[in-house]
């Protein structure tokens, strides 16, 4: 999987793809990766994920939410598994990323 935080891409390729989708509220990096892989195949280039230096993420964002609010986020997990289109197109479903809370 491609993480949106660390993507290295040629400017020409990024512009050719039109950048990230403005319609997606979650998973835009995954959607972008699919388009990028297709572009790489059609242009004879390689799509590479660097994995020798894995990133360890933090749980800081979860400290901003009560246990009840965290359980409520299971709705997003449900959508990701059973209705991925809804999960990526519904800002309310992806509110954990867009509610403005900062650590």
C-alpha atoms as a PDB file:
ATOM      1  CA  UNK A   1       0.000   0.000   0.000  1.00  0.00           C
ATOM      2  CA  UNK A   2       1.145   3.491  -0.734  1.00  0.00           C
ATOM      3  CA  UNK A   3       1.095   6.031   2.083  1.00  0.00           C
ATOM      4  CA  UNK A   4       0.041   9.532   1.138  1.00  0.00           C
ATOM      5  CA  UNK A   5       2.581  11.053   3.504  1.00  0.00           C
ATOM      6  CA  UNK A   6       5.655   9.877   1.587  1.00  0.00           C
ATOM      7  CA  UNK A   7       5.139   9.681  -2.144  1.00  0.00           C
ATOM      8  CA  UNK A   8       8.020  10.449  -4.475  1.00  0.00           C
ATOM      9  CA  UNK A   9       6.913  10.895  -8.061  1.00  0.00           C
ATOM     10  CA  UNK A  10       8.098  12.724 -11.148  1.00  0.00           C
ATOM     11  CA  UNK A  11       6.282  16.014 -11.624  1.00  0.00           C
ATOM     12  CA  UNK A  12       5.360  15.098 -15.182  1.00  0.00           C
ATOM     13  CA  UNK A  13       3.657  11.877 -14.010  1.00  0.00           C
ATOM     14  CA  UNK A  14       1.839  13.662 -11.178  1.00  0.00           C
ATOM     15  CA  UNK A  15       0.472  16.275 -13.559  1.00  0.00           C
ATOM     16  CA  UNK A  16      -0.450  13.667 -16.153  1.00  0.00           C
ATOM     17  CA  UNK A  17      -2.535  11.865 -13.503  1.00  0.00           C
ATOM     18  CA  UNK A  18      -4.159  15.113 -12.397  1.00  0.00           C
ATOM     19  CA  UNK A  19      -2.921  14.754  -8.813  1.00  0.00           C
ATOM     20  CA  UNK A  20      -5.043  13.397  -6.009  1.00  0.00           C
ATOM     21  CA  UNK A  21      -8.787  13.088  -6.359  1.00  0.00           C
ATOM     22  CA  UNK A  22     -10.765  15.996  -4.932  1.00  0.00           C
ATOM     23  CA  UNK A  23     -13.806  13.738  -4.636  1.00  0.00           C
ATOM     24  CA  UNK A  24     -12.250  11.288  -2.171  1.00  0.00           C
ATOM     25  CA  UNK A  25     -12.220  12.062   1.544  1.00  0.00           C
ATOM     26  CA  UNK A  26     -10.305   8.953   2.532  1.00  0.00           C
ATOM     27  CA  UNK A  27      -8.108   6.582   0.655  1.00  0.00           C
ATOM     28  CA  UNK A  28      -7.138   9.129  -1.966  1.00  0.00           C
ATOM     29  CA  UNK A  29      -3.573   7.824  -1.731  1.00  0.00           C
ATOM     30  CA  UNK A  30      -4.751   4.282  -2.526  1.00  0.00           C
ATOM     31  CA  UNK A  31      -6.805   5.522  -5.483  1.00  0.00           C
ATOM     32  CA  UNK A  32      -3.831   7.577  -6.670  1.00  0.00           C
ATOM     33  CA  UNK A  33      -1.542   4.530  -6.381  1.00  0.00           C
ATOM     34  CA  UNK A  34      -3.850   2.509  -8.622  1.00  0.00           C
ATOM     35  CA  UNK A  35      -3.730   5.176 -11.308  1.00  0.00           C
ATOM     36  CA  UNK A  36       0.045   5.534 -10.886  1.00  0.00           C
ATOM     37  CA  UNK A  37       0.606   1.772 -11.266  1.00  0.00           C
ATOM     38  CA  UNK A  38      -1.449   1.797 -14.457  1.00  0.00           C
ATOM     39  CA  UNK A  39       0.529   4.750 -15.819  1.00  0.00           C
ATOM     40  CA  UNK A  40       3.811   3.002 -14.986  1.00  0.00           C
ATOM     41  CA  UNK A  41       2.716  -0.143 -16.850  1.00  0.00           C
ATOM     42  CA  UNK A  42       1.603   1.788 -19.922  1.00  0.00           C
ATOM     43  CA  UNK A  43       4.764   3.912 -20.092  1.00  0.00           C
ATOM     44  CA  UNK A  44       7.269   1.147 -19.351  1.00  0.00           C
ATOM     45  CA  UNK A  45       8.287   2.554 -15.978  1.00  0.00           C
ATOM     46  CA  UNK A  46       8.367   0.838 -12.607  1.00  0.00           C
ATOM     47  CA  UNK A  47       6.174   1.428  -9.581  1.00  0.00           C
ATOM     48  CA  UNK A  48       8.275   0.709  -6.495  1.00  0.00           C
ATOM     49  CA  UNK A  49       7.391   0.728  -2.810  1.00  0.00           C
ATOM     50  CA  UNK A  50      10.406   1.129  -0.566  1.00  0.00           C
ATOM     51  CA  UNK A  51      10.072  -1.228   2.361  1.00  0.00           C
ATOM     52  CA  UNK A  52      13.511  -1.616   3.914  1.00  0.00           C
ATOM     53  CA  UNK A  53      12.866   1.246   6.296  1.00  0.00           C
ATOM     54  CA  UNK A  54       9.296   0.801   7.548  1.00  0.00           C
ATOM     55  CA  UNK A  55       7.593   3.716   9.232  1.00  0.00           C
ATOM     56  CA  UNK A  56       6.268   3.250  12.741  1.00  0.00           C
ATOM     57  CA  UNK A  57       3.171   5.357  13.199  1.00  0.00           C
ATOM     58  CA  UNK A  58       1.871   6.998  16.323  1.00  0.00           C
ATOM     59  CA  UNK A  59      -1.439   6.642  18.133  1.00  0.00           C
ATOM     60  CA  UNK A  60      -1.502  10.340  19.083  1.00  0.00           C
ATOM     61  CA  UNK A  61      -4.650  11.010  17.069  1.00  0.00           C
ATOM     62  CA  UNK A  62      -6.559   8.364  19.014  1.00  0.00           C
ATOM     63  CA  UNK A  63      -5.863  10.240  22.266  1.00  0.00           C
ATOM     64  CA  UNK A  64      -8.075  13.046  20.974  1.00  0.00           C
ATOM     65  CA  UNK A  65     -11.188  10.854  21.079  1.00  0.00           C
ATOM     66  CA  UNK A  66     -13.128   9.259  23.902  1.00  0.00           C
ATOM     67  CA  UNK A  67     -13.571   5.476  23.891  1.00  0.00           C
ATOM     68  CA  UNK A  68     -17.166   5.959  22.720  1.00  0.00           C
ATOM     69  CA  UNK A  69     -16.047   8.111  19.795  1.00  0.00           C
ATOM     70  CA  UNK A  70     -13.400   5.557  18.862  1.00  0.00           C
ATOM     71  CA  UNK A  71     -15.997   2.789  18.839  1.00  0.00           C
ATOM     72  CA  UNK A  72     -18.123   5.015  16.618  1.00  0.00           C
ATOM     73  CA  UNK A  73     -15.279   5.008  14.113  1.00  0.00           C
ATOM     74  CA  UNK A  74     -15.904   1.299  13.577  1.00  0.00           C
ATOM     75  CA  UNK A  75     -18.507   2.579  11.130  1.00  0.00           C
ATOM     76  CA  UNK A  76     -15.629   3.676   8.895  1.00  0.00           C
ATOM     77  CA  UNK A  77     -14.064   0.225   9.121  1.00  0.00           C
ATOM     78  CA  UNK A  78     -17.408  -1.309   8.151  1.00  0.00           C
ATOM     79  CA  UNK A  79     -17.624   0.943   5.101  1.00  0.00           C
ATOM     80  CA  UNK A  80     -14.019   0.212   4.103  1.00  0.00           C
ATOM     81  CA  UNK A  81     -14.729  -3.530   4.138  1.00  0.00           C
ATOM     82  CA  UNK A  82     -18.292  -3.701   2.799  1.00  0.00           C
ATOM     83  CA  UNK A  83     -18.836  -0.459   0.888  1.00  0.00           C
ATOM     84  CA  UNK A  84     -15.452   1.070  -0.015  1.00  0.00           C
ATOM     85  CA  UNK A  85     -17.008   3.615  -2.383  1.00  0.00           C
ATOM     86  CA  UNK A  86     -19.028   5.056   0.514  1.00  0.00           C
ATOM     87  CA  UNK A  87     -15.974   5.078   2.797  1.00  0.00           C
ATOM     88  CA  UNK A  88     -13.920   7.160   0.405  1.00  0.00           C
ATOM     89  CA  UNK A  89     -16.612   9.525  -0.861  1.00  0.00           C
ATOM     90  CA  UNK A  90     -18.415  10.367   2.403  1.00  0.00           C
ATOM     91  CA  UNK A  91     -16.718  13.082   4.434  1.00  0.00           C
ATOM     92  CA  UNK A  92     -18.832  12.220   7.487  1.00  0.00           C
ATOM     93  CA  UNK A  93     -17.666   8.594   7.401  1.00  0.00           C
ATOM     94  CA  UNK A  94     -14.046   9.785   7.331  1.00  0.00           C
ATOM     95  CA  UNK A  95     -14.527  12.467   9.985  1.00  0.00           C
ATOM     96  CA  UNK A  96     -11.590  11.235  12.062  1.00  0.00           C
ATOM     97  CA  UNK A  97      -9.329  12.839   9.439  1.00  0.00           C
ATOM     98  CA  UNK A  98     -11.423  15.946   8.794  1.00  0.00           C
ATOM     99  CA  UNK A  99     -12.938  17.118  12.064  1.00  0.00           C
ATOM    100  CA  UNK A 100     -10.132  19.626  12.661  1.00  0.00           C
ATOM    101  CA  UNK A 101      -8.796  18.151  15.881  1.00  0.00           C
ATOM    102  CA  UNK A 102      -5.084  18.589  16.272  1.00  0.00           C
ATOM    103  CA  UNK A 103      -2.689  17.010  18.679  1.00  0.00           C
END
